Amino acid sequence: MSAKSIKVYAASKADLVAKVLRALKEWDWSRPVVVTLSDGQKKSDRQRGYQFGWVYKQIVEQLQGAGIDIEHSDGRLEPWNVDLLHEVMKRKILAPLVLEWGGTPFVMVDGEEVPTKALTTEGSMSRFCEYIARVKEFVWTHWEIAVPEPVDEYYQQIERDMRKTTLREAA
């Protein structure tokens, strides 16, 4: 019998208890319950959602609005999308960061660079924060695109959490 898990984000102990109790009321008790507690410092679905759902989305909307397309090596133009932007940012921003962090971003396979498992910010909120800051810096430098502050409370909370991590590490 496989275990099913529920991810719950809570900003306080009371919030956590309320959310877990609500989830357990609807639990199928014929299955085991798995509870994992985390200090929230690892990259999570929340950060990934912020990265793709807010940061990349804002950049792509501005690129498309300005009529800026990506040019392929064969001269073909294509409008930007979040997946394409992510692939470019991995190579332009994340690969150099991985080298700074002491990792190996690519290996050569048949003369072609192939990303390694090290090409990630997984496991570190501070590395994720640094990556996002460099993405914002890159798009400002290259296209004068500024990623606005989020208006949605969900993304605002993620930014507050990121600022706390940055401030904590600077102290």
Protein backbone atom coordinates (compact mmCIF):
# COMPACT_ATOMS: atom_id res chain seq x y z
CA MET A 1 0.00 0.00 0.00
CA SER A 2 1.55 3.31 -1.02
CA ALA A 3 1.48 6.42 1.14
CA LYS A 4 -0.16 9.62 0.02
CA SER A 5 1.17 12.97 1.19
CA ILE A 6 -0.33 16.43 1.51
CA LYS A 7 1.82 19.56 1.26
CA VAL A 8 0.78 22.31 3.64
CA TYR A 9 2.40 25.74 3.84
CA ALA A 10 1.86 27.53 7.13
CA ALA A 11 3.25 30.78 8.44
CA SER A 12 2.54 29.98 12.09
CA LYS A 13 2.00 27.04 14.43
CA ALA A 14 -1.74 27.81 14.72
CA ASP A 15 -2.07 28.02 10.93
CA LEU A 16 -0.29 24.66 10.55
CA VAL A 17 -2.51 22.92 13.12
CA ALA A 18 -5.68 24.28 11.50
CA LYS A 19 -4.63 23.23 8.00
CA VAL A 20 -3.51 19.74 9.06
CA LEU A 21 -6.74 19.14 11.01
CA ARG A 22 -8.77 20.25 8.00
CA ALA A 23 -6.81 17.87 5.73
CA LEU A 24 -7.13 14.96 8.16
CA LYS A 25 -10.92 15.31 8.37
CA GLU A 26 -11.11 14.23 4.73
CA TRP A 27 -8.32 11.64 4.89
CA ASP A 28 -8.90 8.15 3.53
CA TRP A 29 -7.90 6.22 6.66
CA SER A 30 -7.36 3.01 4.71
CA ARG A 31 -4.03 4.56 3.66
CA PRO A 32 -1.00 5.42 5.80
CA VAL A 33 -0.40 9.04 6.78
CA VAL A 34 3.02 10.60 6.16
CA VAL A 35 3.89 13.85 7.90
CA THR A 36 7.10 15.69 6.97
CA LEU A 37 8.09 18.95 8.61
CA SER A 38 10.48 21.33 6.90
CA ASP A 39 11.89 24.70 7.86
CA GLY A 40 10.87 25.97 4.44
CA GLN A 41 14.41 26.72 3.34
CA LYS A 42 14.45 24.30 0.41
CA LYS A 43 13.23 25.29 -3.01
CA SER A 44 9.66 24.20 -3.18
CA ASP A 45 6.63 24.25 -5.37
CA ARG A 46 5.98 27.73 -3.96
CA GLN A 47 9.30 29.07 -5.25
CA ARG A 48 8.89 27.27 -8.55
CA GLY A 49 5.41 28.79 -8.83
CA TYR A 50 6.83 32.24 -8.11
CA GLN A 51 9.63 31.71 -10.64
CA PHE A 52 7.35 30.57 -13.48
CA GLY A 53 4.01 32.09 -12.46
CA TRP A 54 5.22 35.56 -11.56
CA VAL A 55 8.82 36.37 -12.55
CA TYR A 56 9.02 34.56 -15.89
CA LYS A 57 5.42 35.40 -16.75
CA GLN A 58 6.03 39.13 -16.20
CA ILE A 59 9.18 39.04 -18.32
CA VAL A 60 7.51 37.12 -21.16
CA GLU A 61 4.47 39.45 -21.19
CA GLN A 62 6.78 42.46 -21.47
CA LEU A 63 8.95 40.85 -24.16
CA GLN A 64 5.87 39.94 -26.20
CA GLY A 65 4.34 43.39 -25.62
CA ALA A 66 7.52 45.02 -26.93
CA GLY A 67 7.56 42.70 -29.97
CA ILE A 68 10.88 41.14 -28.92
CA ASP A 69 11.25 37.61 -30.29
CA ILE A 70 14.03 35.09 -29.86
CA GLU A 71 16.07 34.40 -32.98
CA HIS A 72 17.08 30.80 -33.61
CA SER A 73 20.38 29.86 -35.27
CA ASP A 74 18.53 29.28 -38.57
CA GLY A 75 17.21 32.88 -38.51
CA ARG A 76 13.69 31.86 -37.56
CA LEU A 77 11.94 34.15 -35.03
CA GLU A 78 9.76 32.81 -32.24
CA PRO A 79 7.81 34.66 -29.55
CA TRP A 80 9.11 34.14 -26.03
CA ASN A 81 7.32 31.78 -23.65
CA VAL A 82 8.13 30.82 -20.05
CA ASP A 83 9.69 27.46 -20.98
CA LEU A 84 11.98 29.01 -23.58
CA LEU A 85 12.91 31.81 -21.18
CA HIS A 86 13.73 29.24 -18.48
CA GLU A 87 16.04 27.32 -20.81
CA VAL A 88 17.87 30.52 -21.78
CA MET A 89 18.16 31.64 -18.14
CA LYS A 90 19.52 28.23 -17.12
CA ARG A 91 22.36 28.63 -19.59
CA LYS A 92 22.97 32.38 -19.19
CA ILE A 93 22.47 32.76 -15.45
CA LEU A 94 22.28 29.43 -13.64
CA ALA A 95 25.25 27.69 -15.29
CA PRO A 96 27.72 30.44 -14.24
CA LEU A 97 26.20 30.46 -10.73
CA VAL A 98 26.66 26.69 -10.42
CA LEU A 99 30.33 27.19 -11.29
CA GLU A 100 30.61 29.90 -8.60
CA TRP A 101 29.00 27.49 -6.12
CA GLY A 102 31.60 24.85 -6.99
CA GLY A 103 29.42 22.62 -9.16
CA THR A 104 29.63 21.32 -12.72
CA PRO A 105 26.73 22.63 -14.82
CA PHE A 106 27.38 20.68 -18.03
CA VAL A 107 29.13 17.59 -19.33
CA MET A 108 30.07 16.93 -22.94
CA VAL A 109 28.20 14.11 -24.69
CA ASP A 110 29.05 13.56 -28.37
CA GLY A 111 30.38 17.11 -28.58
CA GLU A 112 27.24 18.66 -27.06
CA GLU A 113 26.81 20.30 -23.66
CA VAL A 114 24.26 18.41 -21.56
CA PRO A 115 23.00 19.88 -18.27
CA THR A 116 23.91 17.91 -15.16
CA LYS A 117 21.93 17.42 -11.97
CA ALA A 118 24.04 20.25 -10.52
CA LEU A 119 22.27 22.73 -12.83
CA THR A 120 19.67 23.55 -10.21
CA THR A 121 19.02 25.74 -7.18
CA GLU A 122 17.35 22.74 -5.49
CA GLY A 123 17.99 22.51 -1.79
CA SER A 124 18.86 26.12 -1.11
CA MET A 125 16.56 29.10 -0.65
CA SER A 126 19.57 31.45 -0.71
CA ARG A 127 20.72 30.09 -4.08
CA PHE A 128 17.19 30.44 -5.43
CA CYS A 129 17.10 34.08 -4.23
CA GLU A 130 20.45 34.76 -5.88
CA TYR A 131 19.28 33.17 -9.14
CA ILE A 132 16.07 35.24 -9.23
CA ALA A 133 18.03 38.44 -8.47
CA ARG A 134 20.42 37.71 -11.34
CA VAL A 135 17.53 36.94 -13.73
CA LYS A 136 15.96 40.31 -12.87
CA GLU A 137 19.33 42.02 -13.36
CA PHE A 138 19.86 40.25 -16.70
CA VAL A 139 16.47 41.23 -18.16
CA TRP A 140 16.93 44.84 -17.02
CA THR A 141 20.43 45.03 -18.55
CA HIS A 142 19.45 43.38 -21.85
CA TRP A 143 15.89 44.61 -22.44
CA GLU A 144 15.22 47.26 -19.76
CA ILE A 145 12.49 45.04 -18.36
CA ALA A 146 11.70 45.43 -14.69
CA VAL A 147 9.76 42.71 -12.91
CA PRO A 148 7.11 44.54 -10.86
CA GLU A 149 6.28 43.77 -7.25
CA PRO A 150 3.57 41.12 -7.08
CA VAL A 151 0.00 42.25 -6.46
CA ASP A 152 -1.18 38.78 -5.44
CA GLU A 153 -0.84 38.01 -1.70
CA TYR A 154 0.50 34.53 -2.48
CA TYR A 155 3.49 35.88 -4.44
CA GLN A 156 3.95 38.77 -1.99
CA GLN A 157 4.40 36.23 0.83
CA ILE A 158 7.02 34.35 -1.17
CA GLU A 159 8.94 37.60 -1.78
CA ARG A 160 8.77 38.43 1.94
CA ASP A 161 10.15 34.96 2.74
CA MET A 162 12.94 35.47 0.20
CA ARG A 163 13.83 38.87 1.71
CA LYS A 164 13.96 37.31 5.20
CA THR A 165 16.37 34.65 3.94
CA THR A 166 18.56 37.26 2.25
CA LEU A 167 18.60 39.50 5.34
CA ARG A 168 19.30 36.56 7.66
CA GLU A 169 22.28 35.48 5.59
CA ALA A 170 23.63 39.04 5.32
CA ALA A 171 23.65 39.38 9.13
